[in-house]
Amino acid sequence: MMLGLYIGAFLGMLSETSMNIALPDLMDEFSVPSGTAQWMVVGYMLAIGVALPCVGFLLRWVKAKTLVMVASTDR
């Protein structure tokens, strides 16, 4: 159980770090200044921060397998 928690915490930090490393590529790809690219990263992290508690809330009523299948289907 602790290994799962450690992996989850590591992946959260990895996601944040990879977005900060990608700032120059985001600036080039979208032709935006550095401030705008930083706000894109903040928006990404905010969306993750809102989605995680919502998933925890959904897991009370829906099985994890069902939730993963619905989230991964291409519509």
PDB file of N, CA and C in Angstrom:
ATOM      1  N   MET A   1       0.821  -1.180   0.000  1.00  0.00           N
ATOM      2  CA  MET A   1       0.000   0.000   0.000  1.00  0.00           C
ATOM      3  C   MET A   1       0.872   1.254   0.000  1.00  0.00           C
ATOM      4  N   MET A   2       1.925   1.219   0.777  1.00  0.00           N
ATOM      5  CA  MET A   2       2.820   2.380   0.841  1.00  0.00           C
ATOM      6  C   MET A   2       3.510   2.605  -0.496  1.00  0.00           C
ATOM      7  N   LEU A   3       3.835   1.521  -1.195  1.00  0.00           N
ATOM      8  CA  LEU A   3       4.462   1.663  -2.502  1.00  0.00           C
ATOM      9  C   LEU A   3       3.534   2.396  -3.467  1.00  0.00           C
ATOM     10  N   GLY A   4       2.257   2.069  -3.419  1.00  0.00           N
ATOM     11  CA  GLY A   4       1.289   2.773  -4.269  1.00  0.00           C
ATOM     12  C   GLY A   4       1.216   4.246  -3.952  1.00  0.00           C
ATOM     13  N   LEU A   5       1.260   4.600  -2.685  1.00  0.00           N
ATOM     14  CA  LEU A   5       1.254   6.013  -2.298  1.00  0.00           C
ATOM     15  C   LEU A   5       2.516   6.727  -2.756  1.00  0.00           C
ATOM     16  N   TYR A   6       3.661   6.041  -2.607  1.00  0.00           N
ATOM     17  CA  TYR A   6       4.922   6.643  -3.048  1.00  0.00           C
ATOM     18  C   TYR A   6       4.937   6.865  -4.551  1.00  0.00           C
ATOM     19  N   ILE A   7       4.446   5.891  -5.292  1.00  0.00           N
ATOM     20  CA  ILE A   7       4.409   6.029  -6.751  1.00  0.00           C
ATOM     21  C   ILE A   7       3.468   7.156  -7.160  1.00  0.00           C
ATOM     22  N   GLY A   8       2.316   7.252  -6.510  1.00  0.00           N
ATOM     23  CA  GLY A   8       1.381   8.339  -6.817  1.00  0.00           C
ATOM     24  C   GLY A   8       1.977   9.707  -6.528  1.00  0.00           C
ATOM     25  N   ALA A   9       2.662   9.852  -5.415  1.00  0.00           N
ATOM     26  CA  ALA A   9       3.294  11.128  -5.087  1.00  0.00           C
ATOM     27  C   ALA A   9       4.401  11.450  -6.082  1.00  0.00           C
ATOM     28  N   PHE A  10       5.174  10.423  -6.463  1.00  0.00           N
ATOM     29  CA  PHE A  10       6.247  10.643  -7.427  1.00  0.00           C
ATOM     30  C   PHE A  10       5.692  11.089  -8.772  1.00  0.00           C
ATOM     31  N   LEU A  11       4.628  10.455  -9.229  1.00  0.00           N
ATOM     32  CA  LEU A  11       4.052  10.818 -10.525  1.00  0.00           C
ATOM     33  C   LEU A  11       3.469  12.230 -10.508  1.00  0.00           C
ATOM     34  N   GLY A  12       2.923  12.646  -9.376  1.00  0.00           N
ATOM     35  CA  GLY A  12       2.434  14.019  -9.271  1.00  0.00           C
ATOM     36  C   GLY A  12       3.555  15.025  -9.406  1.00  0.00           C
ATOM     37  N   MET A  13       4.673  14.783  -8.730  1.00  0.00           N
ATOM     38  CA  MET A  13       5.821  15.686  -8.841  1.00  0.00           C
ATOM     39  C   MET A  13       6.440  15.623 -10.227  1.00  0.00           C
ATOM     40  N   LEU A  14       6.450  14.435 -10.831  1.00  0.00           N
ATOM     41  CA  LEU A  14       6.996  14.290 -12.178  1.00  0.00           C
ATOM     42  C   LEU A  14       6.169  15.077 -13.186  1.00  0.00           C
ATOM     43  N   SER A  15       4.869  15.048 -13.035  1.00  0.00           N
ATOM     44  CA  SER A  15       3.989  15.784 -13.931  1.00  0.00           C
ATOM     45  C   SER A  15       4.259  17.283 -13.845  1.00  0.00           C
ATOM     46  N   GLU A  16       4.366  17.793 -12.631  1.00  0.00           N
ATOM     47  CA  GLU A  16       4.628  19.216 -12.444  1.00  0.00           C
ATOM     48  C   GLU A  16       6.003  19.597 -12.995  1.00  0.00           C
ATOM     49  N   THR A  17       6.997  18.783 -12.723  1.00  0.00           N
ATOM     50  CA  THR A  17       8.350  19.071 -13.193  1.00  0.00           C
ATOM     51  C   THR A  17       8.432  19.019 -14.706  1.00  0.00           C
ATOM     52  N   SER A  18       7.789  18.037 -15.324  1.00  0.00           N
ATOM     53  CA  SER A  18       7.850  17.928 -16.778  1.00  0.00           C
ATOM     54  C   SER A  18       7.165  19.105 -17.455  1.00  0.00           C
ATOM     55  N   MET A  19       6.111  19.629 -16.856  1.00  0.00           N
ATOM     56  CA  MET A  19       5.465  20.807 -17.437  1.00  0.00           C
ATOM     57  C   MET A  19       6.382  22.020 -17.363  1.00  0.00           C
ATOM     58  N   ASN A  20       7.109  22.177 -16.270  1.00  0.00           N
ATOM     59  CA  ASN A  20       8.028  23.303 -16.160  1.00  0.00           C
ATOM     60  C   ASN A  20       9.202  23.162 -17.115  1.00  0.00           C
ATOM     61  N   ILE A  21       9.649  21.944 -17.354  1.00  0.00           N
ATOM     62  CA  ILE A  21      10.727  21.719 -18.311  1.00  0.00           C
ATOM     63  C   ILE A  21      10.254  22.001 -19.730  1.00  0.00           C
ATOM     64  N   ALA A  22       8.987  21.779 -19.994  1.00  0.00           N
ATOM     65  CA  ALA A  22       8.430  21.964 -21.337  1.00  0.00           C
ATOM     66  C   ALA A  22       8.093  23.415 -21.655  1.00  0.00           C
ATOM     67  N   LEU A  23       8.315  24.343 -20.736  1.00  0.00           N
ATOM     68  CA  LEU A  23       7.950  25.748 -20.985  1.00  0.00           C
ATOM     69  C   LEU A  23       8.543  26.311 -22.280  1.00  0.00           C
ATOM     70  N   PRO A  24       9.834  26.147 -22.553  1.00  0.00           N
ATOM     71  CA  PRO A  24      10.352  26.698 -23.818  1.00  0.00           C
ATOM     72  C   PRO A  24       9.681  26.105 -25.055  1.00  0.00           C
ATOM     73  N   ASP A  25       9.402  24.802 -25.018  1.00  0.00           N
ATOM     74  CA  ASP A  25       8.714  24.179 -26.161  1.00  0.00           C
ATOM     75  C   ASP A  25       7.292  24.698 -26.297  1.00  0.00           C
ATOM     76  N   LEU A  26       6.598  24.898 -25.174  1.00  0.00           N
ATOM     77  CA  LEU A  26       5.247  25.468 -25.226  1.00  0.00           C
ATOM     78  C   LEU A  26       5.268  26.878 -25.799  1.00  0.00           C
ATOM     79  N   MET A  27       6.252  27.657 -25.393  1.00  0.00           N
ATOM     80  CA  MET A  27       6.353  29.033 -25.898  1.00  0.00           C
ATOM     81  C   MET A  27       6.583  29.035 -27.401  1.00  0.00           C
ATOM     82  N   ASP A  28       7.435  28.133 -27.891  1.00  0.00           N
ATOM     83  CA  ASP A  28       7.702  28.068 -29.328  1.00  0.00           C
ATOM     84  C   ASP A  28       6.502  27.539 -30.103  1.00  0.00           C
ATOM     85  N   GLU A  29       5.884  26.485 -29.591  1.00  0.00           N
ATOM     86  CA  GLU A  29       4.781  25.842 -30.311  1.00  0.00           C
ATOM     87  C   GLU A  29       3.563  26.754 -30.435  1.00  0.00           C
ATOM     88  N   PHE A  30       3.219  27.471 -29.360  1.00  0.00           N
ATOM     89  CA  PHE A  30       2.031  28.311 -29.371  1.00  0.00           C
ATOM     90  C   PHE A  30       2.330  29.780 -29.637  1.00  0.00           C
ATOM     91  N   SER A  31       3.608  30.115 -29.814  1.00  0.00           N
ATOM     92  CA  SER A  31       4.048  31.495 -30.083  1.00  0.00           C
ATOM     93  C   SER A  31       3.489  32.460 -29.036  1.00  0.00           C
ATOM     94  N   VAL A  32       3.741  32.146 -27.775  1.00  0.00           N
ATOM     95  CA  VAL A  32       3.259  32.969 -26.673  1.00  0.00           C
ATOM     96  C   VAL A  32       4.456  33.389 -25.813  1.00  0.00           C
ATOM     97  N   PRO A  33       4.313  34.516 -25.085  1.00  0.00           N
ATOM     98  CA  PRO A  33       5.392  34.926 -24.179  1.00  0.00           C
ATOM     99  C   PRO A  33       5.490  34.001 -22.956  1.00  0.00           C
ATOM    100  N   SER A  34       6.556  34.148 -22.206  1.00  0.00           N
ATOM    101  CA  SER A  34       6.804  33.245 -21.083  1.00  0.00           C
ATOM    102  C   SER A  34       5.719  33.340 -20.018  1.00  0.00           C
ATOM    103  N   GLY A  35       5.169  34.526 -19.776  1.00  0.00           N
ATOM    104  CA  GLY A  35       4.107  34.671 -18.781  1.00  0.00           C
ATOM    105  C   GLY A  35       2.872  33.869 -19.134  1.00  0.00           C
ATOM    106  N   THR A  36       2.515  33.875 -20.397  1.00  0.00           N
ATOM    107  CA  THR A  36       1.344  33.117 -20.845  1.00  0.00           C
ATOM    108  C   THR A  36       1.592  31.618 -20.731  1.00  0.00           C
ATOM    109  N   ALA A  37       2.797  31.182 -21.079  1.00  0.00           N
ATOM    110  CA  ALA A  37       3.127  29.765 -20.971  1.00  0.00           C
ATOM    111  C   ALA A  37       3.105  29.329 -19.506  1.00  0.00           C
ATOM    112  N   GLN A  38       3.549  30.181 -18.606  1.00  0.00           N
ATOM    113  CA  GLN A  38       3.503  29.849 -17.187  1.00  0.00           C
ATOM    114  C   GLN A  38       2.062  29.737 -16.708  1.00  0.00           C
ATOM    115  N   TRP A  39       1.185  30.597 -17.212  1.00  0.00           N
ATOM    116  CA  TRP A  39      -0.231  30.493 -16.840  1.00  0.00           C
ATOM    117  C   TRP A  39      -0.856  29.215 -17.384  1.00  0.00           C
ATOM    118  N   MET A  40      -0.382  28.751 -18.559  1.00  0.00           N
ATOM    119  CA  MET A  40      -0.882  27.481 -19.086  1.00  0.00           C
ATOM    120  C   MET A  40      -0.507  26.337 -18.144  1.00  0.00           C
ATOM    121  N   VAL A  41       0.705  26.376 -17.607  1.00  0.00           N
ATOM    122  CA  VAL A  41       1.145  25.348 -16.668  1.00  0.00           C
ATOM    123  C   VAL A  41       0.323  25.431 -15.385  1.00  0.00           C
ATOM    124  N   VAL A  42       0.071  26.651 -14.917  1.00  0.00           N
ATOM    125  CA  VAL A  42      -0.747  26.828 -13.711  1.00  0.00           C
ATOM    126  C   VAL A  42      -2.157  26.295 -13.949  1.00  0.00           C
ATOM    127  N   GLY A  43      -2.715  26.558 -15.114  1.00  0.00           N
ATOM    128  CA  GLY A  43      -4.044  26.038 -15.447  1.00  0.00           C
ATOM    129  C   GLY A  43      -4.072  24.522 -15.498  1.00  0.00           C
ATOM    130  N   TYR A  44      -3.016  23.935 -16.041  1.00  0.00           N
ATOM    131  CA  TYR A  44      -2.903  22.475 -16.086  1.00  0.00           C
ATOM    132  C   TYR A  44      -2.868  21.903 -14.678  1.00  0.00           C
ATOM    133  N   MET A  45      -2.054  22.475 -13.819  1.00  0.00           N
ATOM    134  CA  MET A  45      -1.940  21.986 -12.451  1.00  0.00           C
ATOM    135  C   MET A  45      -3.246  22.211 -11.673  1.00  0.00           C
ATOM    136  N   LEU A  46      -3.929  23.310 -11.938  1.00  0.00           N
ATOM    137  CA  LEU A  46      -5.209  23.575 -11.295  1.00  0.00           C
ATOM    138  C   LEU A  46      -6.256  22.551 -11.732  1.00  0.00           C
ATOM    139  N   ALA A  47      -6.267  22.209 -13.012  1.00  0.00           N
ATOM    140  CA  ALA A  47      -7.208  21.201 -13.508  1.00  0.00           C
ATOM    141  C   ALA A  47      -6.939  19.847 -12.850  1.00  0.00           C
ATOM    142  N   ILE A  48      -5.671  19.493 -12.693  1.00  0.00           N
ATOM    143  CA  ILE A  48      -5.330  18.227 -12.019  1.00  0.00           C
ATOM    144  C   ILE A  48      -5.777  18.292 -10.562  1.00  0.00           C
ATOM    145  N   GLY A  49      -5.545  19.440  -9.909  1.00  0.00           N
ATOM    146  CA  GLY A  49      -5.920  19.587  -8.504  1.00  0.00           C
ATOM    147  C   GLY A  49      -7.418  19.509  -8.283  1.00  0.00           C
ATOM    148  N   VAL A  50      -8.209  19.904  -9.265  1.00  0.00           N
ATOM    149  CA  VAL A  50      -9.667  19.809  -9.154  1.00  0.00           C
ATOM    150  C   VAL A  50     -10.143  18.399  -9.513  1.00  0.00           C
ATOM    151  N   ALA A  51      -9.496  17.780 -10.492  1.00  0.00           N
ATOM    152  CA  ALA A  51      -9.940  16.468 -10.956  1.00  0.00           C
ATOM    153  C   ALA A  51      -9.668  15.367  -9.936  1.00  0.00           C
ATOM    154  N   LEU A  52      -8.566  15.434  -9.224  1.00  0.00           N
ATOM    155  CA  LEU A  52      -8.229  14.355  -8.294  1.00  0.00           C
ATOM    156  C   LEU A  52      -9.265  14.167  -7.185  1.00  0.00           C
ATOM    157  N   PRO A  53      -9.700  15.215  -6.503  1.00  0.00           N
ATOM    158  CA  PRO A  53     -10.749  14.986  -5.502  1.00  0.00           C
ATOM    159  C   PRO A  53     -12.071  14.514  -6.117  1.00  0.00           C
ATOM    160  N   CYS A  54     -12.361  14.971  -7.329  1.00  0.00           N
ATOM    161  CA  CYS A  54     -13.591  14.534  -7.989  1.00  0.00           C
ATOM    162  C   CYS A  54     -13.553  13.037  -8.286  1.00  0.00           C
ATOM    163  N   VAL A  55     -12.390  12.529  -8.694  1.00  0.00           N
ATOM    164  CA  VAL A  55     -12.251  11.099  -8.950  1.00  0.00           C
ATOM    165  C   VAL A  55     -12.424  10.320  -7.647  1.00  0.00           C
ATOM    166  N   GLY A  56     -11.824  10.824  -6.575  1.00  0.00           N
ATOM    167  CA  GLY A  56     -12.013  10.175  -5.281  1.00  0.00           C
ATOM    168  C   GLY A  56     -13.474  10.139  -4.870  1.00  0.00           C
ATOM    169  N   PHE A  57     -14.187  11.213  -5.156  1.00  0.00           N
ATOM    170  CA  PHE A  57     -15.621  11.280  -4.860  1.00  0.00           C
ATOM    171  C   PHE A  57     -16.397  10.274  -5.705  1.00  0.00           C
ATOM    172  N   LEU A  58     -16.049  10.161  -6.993  1.00  0.00           N
ATOM    173  CA  LEU A  58     -16.740   9.227  -7.885  1.00  0.00           C
ATOM    174  C   LEU A  58     -16.494   7.773  -7.502  1.00  0.00           C
ATOM    175  N   LEU A  59     -15.311   7.494  -6.953  1.00  0.00           N
ATOM    176  CA  LEU A  59     -14.990   6.113  -6.598  1.00  0.00           C
ATOM    177  C   LEU A  59     -15.848   5.578  -5.462  1.00  0.00           C
ATOM    178  N   ARG A  60     -16.555   6.453  -4.770  1.00  0.00           N
ATOM    179  CA  ARG A  60     -17.481   5.980  -3.735  1.00  0.00           C
ATOM    180  C   ARG A  60     -18.668   5.252  -4.341  1.00  0.00           C
ATOM    181  N   TRP A  61     -19.086   5.652  -5.540  1.00  0.00           N
ATOM    182  CA  TRP A  61     -20.286   5.091  -6.154  1.00  0.00           C
ATOM    183  C   TRP A  61     -20.014   4.232  -7.383  1.00  0.00           C
ATOM    184  N   VAL A  62     -18.867   4.401  -8.003  1.00  0.00           N
ATOM    185  CA  VAL A  62     -18.563   3.679  -9.236  1.00  0.00           C
ATOM    186  C   VAL A  62     -17.315   2.841  -8.999  1.00  0.00           C
ATOM    187  N   LYS A  63     -17.285   1.630  -9.535  1.00  0.00           N
ATOM    188  CA  LYS A  63     -16.105   0.779  -9.415  1.00  0.00           C
ATOM    189  C   LYS A  63     -14.942   1.410 -10.175  1.00  0.00           C
ATOM    190  N   ALA A  64     -13.735   1.190  -9.677  1.00  0.00           N
ATOM    191  CA  ALA A  64     -12.545   1.769 -10.300  1.00  0.00           C
ATOM    192  C   ALA A  64     -12.385   1.276 -11.741  1.00  0.00           C
ATOM    193  N   LYS A  65     -12.650  -0.001 -11.988  1.00  0.00           N
ATOM    194  CA  LYS A  65     -12.517  -0.551 -13.336  1.00  0.00           C
ATOM    195  C   LYS A  65     -13.473   0.153 -14.305  1.00  0.00           C
ATOM    196  N   THR A  66     -14.706   0.372 -13.877  1.00  0.00           N
ATOM    197  CA  THR A  66     -15.684   1.055 -14.718  1.00  0.00           C
ATOM    198  C   THR A  66     -15.258   2.485 -15.001  1.00  0.00           C
ATOM    199  N   LEU A  67     -14.752   3.166 -13.984  1.00  0.00           N
ATOM    200  CA  LEU A  67     -14.327   4.547 -14.151  1.00  0.00           C
ATOM    201  C   LEU A  67     -13.156   4.662 -15.127  1.00  0.00           C
ATOM    202  N   VAL A  68     -12.209   3.741 -15.025  1.00  0.00           N
ATOM    203  CA  VAL A  68     -11.061   3.737 -15.937  1.00  0.00           C
ATOM    204  C   VAL A  68     -11.522   3.434 -17.363  1.00  0.00           C
ATOM    205  N   MET A  69     -12.425   2.500 -17.525  1.00  0.00           N
ATOM    206  CA  MET A  69     -12.915   2.153 -18.870  1.00  0.00           C
ATOM    207  C   MET A  69     -13.655   3.324 -19.507  1.00  0.00           C
ATOM    208  N   VAL A  70     -14.471   4.016 -18.740  1.00  0.00           N
ATOM    209  CA  VAL A  70     -15.200   5.176 -19.271  1.00  0.00           C
ATOM    210  C   VAL A  70     -14.228   6.299 -19.621  1.00  0.00           C
ATOM    211  N   ALA A  71     -13.225   6.512 -18.761  1.00  0.00           N
ATOM    212  CA  ALA A  71     -12.270   7.589 -19.006  1.00  0.00           C
ATOM    213  C   ALA A  71     -11.367   7.320 -20.199  1.00  0.00           C
ATOM    214  N   SER A  72     -11.131   6.042 -20.499  1.00  0.00           N
ATOM    215  CA  SER A  72     -10.199   5.718 -21.588  1.00  0.00           C
ATOM    216  C   SER A  72     -10.878   5.448 -22.919  1.00  0.00           C
ATOM    217  N   THR A  73     -12.198   5.460 -22.968  1.00  0.00           N
ATOM    218  CA  THR A  73     -12.873   5.225 -24.240  1.00  0.00           C
ATOM    219  C   THR A  73     -12.753   6.449 -25.129  1.00  0.00           C
ATOM    220  N   ASP A  74     -12.606   6.198 -26.392  1.00  0.00           N
ATOM    221  CA  ASP A  74     -12.480   7.275 -27.381  1.00  0.00           C
ATOM    222  C   ASP A  74     -13.862   7.533 -27.977  1.00  0.00           C
ATOM    223  N   ARG A  75     -14.389   8.699 -27.709  1.00  0.00           N
ATOM    224  CA  ARG A  75     -15.742   9.021 -28.187  1.00  0.00           C
ATOM    225  C   ARG A  75     -15.695  10.014 -29.282  1.00  0.00           C
TER     226      ARG A  75
END
